[in-house]
Amino acid sequence: MNNITIRRVKSFVTAPNGINLVVVKVETSEPGLVGYGCATFTWRYKAVKTAIDEYLDPMLQGKSVHNIEDLWQTMMGSSYWRNGPVLNNAISGVDEALWDIKGKLANMPLYDLLGGKSREGIELYRHADGNSIEEVKENVHALIEEGYRHIRCHMGTYGGNFNGKRQRIIKPVNAPKGAYYHPHKYMNSVIKLLENIRTDFGNDLEIMHDVHERLSLADTLTFVKELEQFKLFFLEDSLPPEQCDFFKILREHTVTPLAMGELFTNPVEWKNIIQNQLINYIRVHISSIGGITPAKKLATFCELYGIKTAWHGPNDLSPIGAVAQMHLDLNINNFGIQEFAGFSEAEKEIFDGCPKIENGYAYLNDKPGLGISFNEEKAKKYPPVEMDFSWLFSRLPDGTATRP
């Protein structure tokens, strides 16, 4: 077993929920020994697939499967320009697949290979959204009935319109098309929503909210002061990555726990805010930073500064990617909470080995490696789709393009 090499790296795109997911399969020189990883960057999935098929596959053929660290460093440096979401996701797919293979060779679940369990179950949080306060409350109640104790509360697409019904926005003549939103109206609507949530569900429910980097620093400072009364579990992505230096100002003005990082792709983006303890939770999307190898190092770095993990777990993440996160969640000491979008029946059909979800916790199986497989034939039932990109074209009331 000492001379096992990579025979082929393949990529697949499937859309069981109408969202394009990128799966990587690493085939080896050992018959029947394969590994799977997630490389999902759904908004640029064709670019990721090209990077895997045209660059990583030919580069990796014949390389030893054992030397994950060396292969990760080689993949990261081989394009010279590095730390971008397309190449990082491509690298992640291979990296996770190699860890899957490593676990299978050791006949151990990945969390065991990393040092064993720090806990038995992985606490999850879900999202409650809706077109009105009442609809959001109904969704919160449904999630509580399922056993969840941590819920992220929103109303609409990160403060935007619901078919023009919630925010009346007066645009200038000839304003371009886009997903318009009004920062102050958004802020006021969230405050009203959270007032209702706390009144109806009390303080035992842990609630979060995601700003999605849609406010200026000045508005964010006002917003966090008003939100303190609701005692949030955390406030997410209060500022964009380009303005991480402003977290020093934000941290000095609020006691609300802060979570940040789902758009991070480069260690330079998180180094300062972690070392200076400006956030409480790191929120990176594991595939967008390059997979399990860098995520494990990042978690250890955060542990030194008392910062917990809350990996980004949206619906544009394959079950393989979700399971990879959960192996880290089970292993690391400074785990905080895991975002979870749920597994559809179609996903369970394609991805055998999805974790068991019970009373707000996820439980991994004890199969070697990641413990989840990918059915290529069944995945063909759900080919890639043309997705709706409209929410990404965010605009302020005067038509100015802004971050989504």
Protein backbone atom coordinates (compact mmCIF):
# COMPACT_ATOMS: atom_id res chain seq x y z
CA MET A 1 0.00 0.00 0.00
CA ASN A 2 3.04 2.31 0.03
CA ASN A 3 3.05 3.01 -3.72
CA ILE A 4 -0.53 4.05 -4.31
CA THR A 5 -0.75 6.85 -6.85
CA ILE A 6 -3.40 9.07 -8.37
CA ARG A 7 -4.69 7.54 -11.58
CA ARG A 8 -7.28 10.15 -12.50
CA VAL A 9 -9.06 13.21 -11.09
CA LYS A 10 -12.63 13.61 -12.33
CA SER A 11 -15.21 16.33 -11.76
CA PHE A 12 -19.00 16.08 -11.89
CA VAL A 13 -21.75 18.67 -11.79
CA THR A 14 -25.18 17.77 -10.49
CA ALA A 15 -28.16 19.88 -9.36
CA PRO A 16 -30.54 17.79 -7.22
CA ASN A 17 -32.04 20.93 -5.63
CA GLY A 18 -31.76 23.18 -8.68
CA ILE A 19 -28.35 24.36 -7.43
CA ASN A 20 -25.20 23.32 -9.29
CA LEU A 21 -22.88 21.25 -7.10
CA VAL A 22 -19.32 20.28 -8.10
CA VAL A 23 -18.05 16.90 -6.91
CA VAL A 24 -14.49 15.62 -7.34
CA LYS A 25 -13.51 11.97 -7.55
CA VAL A 26 -9.89 10.89 -7.16
CA GLU A 27 -9.24 7.46 -8.61
CA THR A 28 -6.11 5.60 -7.53
CA SER A 29 -3.84 2.83 -8.74
CA GLU A 30 -5.41 0.56 -6.11
CA PRO A 31 -8.54 -1.03 -7.65
CA GLY A 32 -11.70 0.20 -5.94
CA LEU A 33 -9.95 2.82 -3.82
CA VAL A 34 -11.40 6.25 -4.57
CA GLY A 35 -12.02 9.46 -2.65
CA TYR A 36 -14.63 12.19 -2.96
CA GLY A 37 -14.47 15.93 -2.30
CA CYS A 38 -16.56 19.08 -2.74
CA ALA A 39 -15.47 21.87 -5.09
CA THR A 40 -18.77 23.75 -5.25
CA PHE A 41 -18.55 27.38 -6.32
CA THR A 42 -22.01 27.37 -7.80
CA TRP A 43 -21.89 30.84 -9.37
CA ARG A 44 -18.73 29.97 -11.35
CA TYR A 45 -18.95 26.19 -11.48
CA LYS A 46 -17.81 25.94 -15.12
CA ALA A 47 -14.56 27.72 -14.27
CA VAL A 48 -13.94 25.36 -11.33
CA LYS A 49 -14.63 22.31 -13.46
CA THR A 50 -12.21 23.56 -16.12
CA ALA A 51 -9.49 24.12 -13.50
CA ILE A 52 -9.92 20.54 -12.26
CA ASP A 53 -10.17 18.83 -15.65
CA GLU A 54 -7.62 20.85 -17.59
CA TYR A 55 -5.01 21.66 -14.95
CA LEU A 56 -5.17 19.61 -11.75
CA ASP A 57 -5.94 16.23 -13.32
CA PRO A 58 -2.92 16.12 -15.66
CA MET A 59 -0.66 17.62 -13.00
CA LEU A 60 -1.61 15.08 -10.34
CA GLN A 61 -1.65 11.86 -12.34
CA GLY A 62 1.04 9.50 -11.03
CA LYS A 63 1.53 11.42 -7.75
CA SER A 64 1.41 9.61 -4.41
CA VAL A 65 -1.93 9.81 -2.61
CA HIS A 66 -0.14 9.78 0.75
CA ASN A 67 1.51 13.21 0.62
CA ILE A 68 -1.51 15.46 1.09
CA GLU A 69 0.43 18.42 2.48
CA ASP A 70 2.92 18.42 -0.39
CA LEU A 71 0.17 18.05 -2.99
CA TRP A 72 -1.84 20.87 -1.45
CA GLN A 73 1.15 23.21 -1.49
CA THR A 74 1.96 22.20 -5.06
CA MET A 75 -1.59 22.80 -6.27
CA MET A 76 -1.72 26.17 -4.51
CA GLY A 77 1.57 27.38 -5.96
CA SER A 78 1.33 25.88 -9.44
CA SER A 79 -0.71 28.74 -10.89
CA TYR A 80 1.67 31.36 -9.40
CA TRP A 81 -1.26 33.73 -8.70
CA ARG A 82 -3.17 32.11 -5.88
CA ASN A 83 -5.87 32.40 -3.20
CA GLY A 84 -8.84 32.97 -5.46
CA PRO A 85 -12.21 31.22 -5.10
CA VAL A 86 -12.10 29.34 -8.42
CA LEU A 87 -8.72 27.68 -7.90
CA ASN A 88 -9.25 27.27 -4.15
CA ASN A 89 -12.46 25.34 -4.76
CA ALA A 90 -10.76 23.15 -7.35
CA ILE A 91 -7.96 22.42 -4.86
CA SER A 92 -10.50 21.73 -2.12
CA GLY A 93 -12.20 19.02 -4.16
CA VAL A 94 -8.93 17.16 -4.52
CA ASP A 95 -7.82 17.83 -0.94
CA GLU A 96 -11.03 16.48 0.60
CA ALA A 97 -10.89 13.43 -1.68
CA LEU A 98 -7.31 12.73 -0.58
CA TRP A 99 -8.32 12.92 3.09
CA ASP A 100 -11.19 10.57 2.27
CA ILE A 101 -8.67 8.13 0.79
CA LYS A 102 -6.31 8.57 3.74
CA GLY A 103 -9.10 7.59 6.14
CA LYS A 104 -10.02 4.57 4.05
CA LEU A 105 -6.40 3.39 4.01
CA ALA A 106 -6.23 3.76 7.79
CA ASN A 107 -9.70 2.19 8.15
CA MET A 108 -10.67 5.17 10.33
CA PRO A 109 -13.27 7.95 10.07
CA LEU A 110 -11.57 11.24 9.27
CA TYR A 111 -12.35 12.72 12.69
CA ASP A 112 -10.55 9.75 14.27
CA LEU A 113 -7.59 10.19 11.98
CA LEU A 114 -7.39 13.87 13.02
CA GLY A 115 -7.24 12.97 16.72
CA GLY A 116 -10.69 11.73 17.67
CA LYS A 117 -13.86 13.30 19.01
CA SER A 118 -14.12 16.40 21.16
CA ARG A 119 -17.92 15.89 21.37
CA GLU A 120 -20.51 13.31 20.42
CA GLY A 121 -22.91 15.46 18.39
CA ILE A 122 -22.54 18.57 16.25
CA GLU A 123 -24.92 21.39 17.19
CA LEU A 124 -26.57 22.97 14.15
CA TYR A 125 -28.33 26.18 13.27
CA ARG A 126 -30.92 26.64 10.56
CA HIS A 127 -32.39 29.61 8.68
CA ALA A 128 -35.89 31.04 9.07
CA ASP A 129 -36.90 33.44 6.30
CA GLY A 130 -40.17 34.71 4.91
CA ASN A 131 -42.03 37.52 3.18
CA SER A 132 -43.51 38.84 6.41
CA ILE A 133 -42.92 38.78 10.14
CA GLU A 134 -45.69 36.23 10.56
CA GLU A 135 -44.21 33.94 7.93
CA VAL A 136 -40.78 34.09 9.54
CA LYS A 137 -42.32 33.29 12.93
CA GLU A 138 -44.13 30.29 11.45
CA ASN A 139 -40.82 29.01 10.08
CA VAL A 140 -39.07 29.60 13.42
CA HIS A 141 -41.79 27.62 15.18
CA ALA A 142 -41.45 24.75 12.70
CA LEU A 143 -37.69 24.56 13.27
CA ILE A 144 -38.13 24.61 17.04
CA GLU A 145 -40.58 21.72 16.67
CA GLU A 146 -37.83 19.82 14.82
CA GLY A 147 -35.54 20.34 17.81
CA TYR A 148 -33.36 23.25 16.72
CA ARG A 149 -32.27 25.73 19.39
CA HIS A 150 -30.22 28.07 17.18
CA ILE A 151 -31.97 29.87 14.30
CA ARG A 152 -30.83 32.61 11.95
CA CYS A 153 -33.70 35.02 11.32
CA HIS A 154 -34.20 36.98 8.10
CA MET A 155 -36.98 38.56 6.10
CA GLY A 156 -36.44 38.55 2.36
CA THR A 157 -33.19 38.25 0.43
CA TYR A 158 -30.84 40.02 2.82
CA GLY A 159 -33.01 43.09 3.14
CA GLY A 160 -34.18 43.25 -0.47
CA ASN A 161 -37.67 43.44 -1.90
CA PHE A 162 -40.19 40.62 -2.06
CA ASN A 163 -41.58 41.28 -5.51
CA GLY A 164 -41.60 44.95 -4.59
CA LYS A 165 -44.01 44.42 -1.68
CA ARG A 166 -41.93 45.29 1.36
CA GLN A 167 -39.67 48.18 0.40
CA ARG A 168 -40.95 51.09 -1.63
CA ILE A 169 -37.87 52.33 -3.44
CA ILE A 170 -37.94 55.41 -5.65
CA LYS A 171 -35.33 54.97 -8.38
CA PRO A 172 -33.92 57.63 -10.70
CA VAL A 173 -35.00 57.79 -14.33
CA ASN A 174 -33.36 55.08 -16.46
CA ALA A 175 -32.13 53.22 -13.38
CA PRO A 176 -30.63 49.84 -14.36
CA LYS A 177 -32.21 46.56 -13.39
CA GLY A 178 -31.03 44.97 -10.16
CA ALA A 179 -31.88 43.70 -6.69
CA TYR A 180 -32.60 47.05 -5.03
CA TYR A 181 -32.67 47.54 -1.28
CA HIS A 182 -32.77 50.49 1.12
CA PRO A 183 -30.25 50.17 4.00
CA HIS A 184 -32.31 52.09 6.59
CA LYS A 185 -35.57 50.35 5.70
CA TYR A 186 -33.73 47.04 5.94
CA MET A 187 -32.38 47.95 9.38
CA ASN A 188 -35.79 48.98 10.67
CA SER A 189 -37.45 45.84 9.33
CA VAL A 190 -34.89 43.61 11.10
CA ILE A 191 -35.39 45.40 14.42
CA LYS A 192 -39.19 44.90 14.16
CA LEU A 193 -38.68 41.26 13.20
CA LEU A 194 -36.38 40.49 16.12
CA GLU A 195 -38.67 42.31 18.56
CA ASN A 196 -41.44 39.93 17.50
CA ILE A 197 -39.19 36.87 17.67
CA ARG A 198 -38.06 37.67 21.22
CA THR A 199 -41.62 38.49 22.34
CA ASP A 200 -43.02 35.25 20.96
CA PHE A 201 -40.18 32.83 21.66
CA GLY A 202 -38.39 34.31 24.65
CA ASN A 203 -34.70 34.49 25.45
CA ASP A 204 -33.98 30.76 25.50
CA LEU A 205 -33.96 30.64 21.70
CA GLU A 206 -30.52 31.50 20.32
CA ILE A 207 -30.93 33.80 17.32
CA MET A 208 -28.55 35.11 14.70
CA HIS A 209 -28.75 37.59 11.87
CA ASP A 210 -26.65 38.02 8.71
CA VAL A 211 -26.01 41.58 7.49
CA HIS A 212 -24.39 40.11 4.35
CA GLU A 213 -22.00 43.10 4.19
CA ARG A 214 -24.82 45.38 3.03
CA LEU A 215 -24.28 48.33 5.36
CA SER A 216 -21.73 51.12 5.62
CA LEU A 217 -19.58 51.31 8.74
CA ALA A 218 -21.68 54.21 10.07
CA ASP A 219 -24.94 52.32 9.57
CA THR A 220 -23.44 49.15 11.03
CA LEU A 221 -22.44 50.98 14.20
CA THR A 222 -26.01 52.24 14.64
CA PHE A 223 -27.44 48.84 13.78
CA VAL A 224 -25.37 46.82 16.27
CA LYS A 225 -26.25 49.19 19.10
CA GLU A 226 -29.96 48.69 18.44
CA LEU A 227 -29.53 44.92 18.14
CA GLU A 228 -27.85 44.55 21.54
CA GLN A 229 -31.25 44.40 23.27
CA PHE A 230 -31.98 41.10 21.48
CA LYS A 231 -28.83 39.35 22.81
CA LEU A 232 -27.88 37.68 19.54
CA PHE A 233 -25.84 34.49 19.45
CA PHE A 234 -23.87 36.35 16.79
CA LEU A 235 -24.18 39.01 14.08
CA GLU A 236 -22.74 37.78 10.82
CA ASP A 237 -20.72 39.55 8.11
CA SER A 238 -21.31 43.05 9.45
CA LEU A 239 -18.74 44.46 7.02
CA PRO A 240 -17.19 43.33 3.71
CA PRO A 241 -13.75 41.65 3.66
CA GLU A 242 -12.26 44.77 2.10
CA GLN A 243 -13.09 46.67 5.28
CA CYS A 244 -11.81 44.19 7.87
CA ASP A 245 -9.71 46.93 9.48
CA PHE A 246 -12.98 48.58 10.55
CA PHE A 247 -13.73 45.64 12.84
CA LYS A 248 -11.49 47.34 15.40
CA ILE A 249 -13.97 50.24 15.52
CA LEU A 250 -16.96 47.92 15.51
CA ARG A 251 -15.57 45.74 18.30
CA GLU A 252 -15.10 48.81 20.51
CA HIS A 253 -18.76 49.79 20.10
CA THR A 254 -20.65 46.57 20.79
CA VAL A 255 -20.72 43.54 23.06
CA THR A 256 -22.69 41.52 20.49
CA PRO A 257 -20.65 38.49 19.36
CA LEU A 258 -19.41 38.96 15.79
CA ALA A 259 -19.01 36.29 13.11
CA MET A 260 -17.10 36.90 9.90
CA GLY A 261 -15.50 35.20 6.95
CA GLU A 262 -17.72 33.38 4.48
CA LEU A 263 -16.19 35.38 1.61
CA PHE A 264 -12.59 34.95 2.75
CA THR A 265 -10.19 33.24 0.34
CA ASN A 266 -6.80 34.53 1.53
CA PRO A 267 -5.08 34.19 4.93
CA VAL A 268 -4.29 37.91 4.81
CA GLU A 269 -8.01 38.55 5.21
CA TRP A 270 -8.36 36.70 8.50
CA LYS A 271 -4.93 37.02 10.13
CA ASN A 272 -5.38 40.47 11.69
CA ILE A 273 -8.96 40.11 12.93
CA ILE A 274 -8.09 36.81 14.61
CA GLN A 275 -4.83 37.94 16.21
CA ASN A 276 -6.52 41.07 17.54
CA GLN A 277 -9.59 39.12 18.71
CA LEU A 278 -11.95 41.39 16.76
CA ILE A 279 -14.43 38.60 16.05
CA ASN A 280 -15.86 35.70 18.04
CA TYR A 281 -16.60 33.19 15.26
CA ILE A 282 -14.74 32.40 12.03
CA ARG A 283 -17.18 31.73 9.18
CA VAL A 284 -15.08 30.61 6.22
CA HIS A 285 -16.46 28.48 3.41
CA ILE A 286 -14.04 25.56 3.65
CA SER A 287 -13.89 24.82 -0.08
CA SER A 288 -13.21 28.49 -0.85
CA ILE A 289 -10.05 28.49 1.27
CA GLY A 290 -8.78 25.22 -0.23
CA GLY A 291 -10.27 22.35 1.75
CA ILE A 292 -9.63 20.41 4.94
CA THR A 293 -5.86 20.99 5.03
CA PRO A 294 -6.03 24.80 5.48
CA ALA A 295 -9.25 24.64 7.55
CA LYS A 296 -7.63 22.45 10.18
CA LYS A 297 -4.73 24.92 10.44
CA LEU A 298 -7.12 27.87 10.61
CA ALA A 299 -9.09 26.25 13.44
CA THR A 300 -5.88 25.73 15.41
CA PHE A 301 -4.85 29.35 14.77
CA CYS A 302 -8.26 30.54 16.03
CA GLU A 303 -8.01 28.37 19.13
CA LEU A 304 -4.94 30.32 20.25
CA TYR A 305 -7.06 33.48 20.40
CA GLY A 306 -10.26 32.06 21.86
CA ILE A 307 -12.19 32.25 18.58
CA LYS A 308 -14.66 29.51 17.70
CA THR A 309 -15.63 28.02 14.36
CA ALA A 310 -18.96 28.43 12.58
CA TRP A 311 -18.14 27.11 9.10
CA HIS A 312 -20.27 28.42 6.24
CA GLY A 313 -22.85 25.73 5.40
CA PRO A 314 -25.33 27.12 2.82
CA ASN A 315 -27.54 25.25 0.37
CA ASP A 316 -24.92 25.69 -2.37
CA LEU A 317 -22.69 23.13 -0.70
CA SER A 318 -22.74 19.44 -1.54
CA PRO A 319 -23.41 16.88 1.22
CA ILE A 320 -19.76 15.84 0.79
CA GLY A 321 -18.70 19.38 1.68
CA ALA A 322 -21.09 19.42 4.64
CA VAL A 323 -19.68 16.13 5.93
CA ALA A 324 -16.09 17.37 5.54
CA GLN A 325 -16.96 20.34 7.77
CA MET A 326 -18.61 18.08 10.31
CA HIS A 327 -15.54 15.85 10.68
CA LEU A 328 -13.63 18.97 11.68
CA ASP A 329 -16.52 20.02 13.96
CA LEU A 330 -16.35 16.71 15.76
CA ASN A 331 -12.58 16.85 16.17
CA ILE A 332 -11.58 20.43 17.02
CA ASN A 333 -11.82 21.80 20.54
CA ASN A 334 -12.91 25.32 19.56
CA PHE A 335 -16.02 24.31 17.63
CA GLY A 336 -18.83 26.84 18.05
CA ILE A 337 -21.82 26.02 15.84
CA GLN A 338 -22.46 24.57 12.38
CA GLU A 339 -24.66 26.22 9.78
CA PHE A 340 -26.88 23.62 8.13
CA ALA A 341 -29.22 23.81 5.12
CA GLY A 342 -30.63 20.30 5.41
CA PHE A 343 -30.44 17.30 3.07
CA SER A 344 -33.17 16.81 0.48
CA GLU A 345 -34.43 13.38 -0.53
CA ALA A 346 -32.80 13.85 -3.93
CA GLU A 347 -29.45 14.57 -2.26
CA LYS A 348 -29.77 11.51 -0.05
CA GLU A 349 -30.44 9.46 -3.19
CA ILE A 350 -27.17 10.62 -4.78
CA PHE A 351 -24.99 10.93 -1.67
CA ASP A 352 -25.14 7.80 0.46
CA GLY A 353 -23.98 8.32 4.05
CA CYS A 354 -25.52 11.70 4.92
CA PRO A 355 -25.34 12.33 8.69
CA LYS A 356 -28.25 11.56 10.95
CA ILE A 357 -29.99 14.71 12.22
CA GLU A 358 -31.76 14.52 15.55
CA ASN A 359 -32.93 17.19 18.01
CA GLY A 360 -30.69 19.89 16.55
CA TYR A 361 -27.56 17.73 16.37
CA ALA A 362 -25.78 16.00 13.48
CA TYR A 363 -24.27 12.55 13.98
CA LEU A 364 -21.69 11.17 11.56
CA ASN A 365 -21.46 7.49 10.75
CA ASP A 366 -18.31 5.57 11.63
CA LYS A 367 -17.36 4.54 8.10
CA PRO A 368 -13.72 5.08 7.06
CA GLY A 369 -12.76 8.38 5.47
CA LEU A 370 -15.52 10.92 5.05
CA GLY A 371 -18.10 8.14 5.19
CA ILE A 372 -20.12 9.44 2.25
CA SER A 373 -20.23 8.26 -1.36
CA PHE A 374 -21.41 9.66 -4.69
CA ASN A 375 -23.62 7.79 -7.16
CA GLU A 376 -22.60 8.95 -10.61
CA GLU A 377 -25.51 7.30 -12.41
CA LYS A 378 -28.18 8.74 -10.13
CA ALA A 379 -26.53 12.16 -10.32
CA LYS A 380 -27.20 12.18 -14.07
CA LYS A 381 -30.91 12.51 -13.27
CA TYR A 382 -30.13 16.04 -12.07
CA PRO A 383 -27.98 17.74 -14.75
CA PRO A 384 -26.63 21.29 -14.40
CA VAL A 385 -29.23 24.05 -14.54
CA GLU A 386 -29.34 27.70 -15.51
CA MET A 387 -29.55 29.45 -12.15
CA ASP A 388 -31.11 32.77 -11.20
CA PHE A 389 -28.27 35.24 -10.61
CA SER A 390 -30.52 38.25 -10.05
CA TRP A 391 -30.02 38.54 -6.27
CA LEU A 392 -26.29 39.05 -6.86
CA PHE A 393 -26.86 42.30 -8.75
CA SER A 394 -27.49 44.42 -5.66
CA ARG A 395 -28.15 48.14 -5.96
CA LEU A 396 -28.80 51.01 -3.60
CA PRO A 397 -31.92 53.17 -4.14
CA ASP A 398 -30.09 55.55 -6.48
CA GLY A 399 -28.93 52.66 -8.67
CA THR A 400 -25.36 52.37 -7.37
CA ALA A 401 -24.03 48.83 -7.67
CA THR A 402 -23.06 47.40 -4.29
CA ARG A 403 -21.95 44.09 -2.80
CA PRO A 404 -24.52 41.29 -2.51
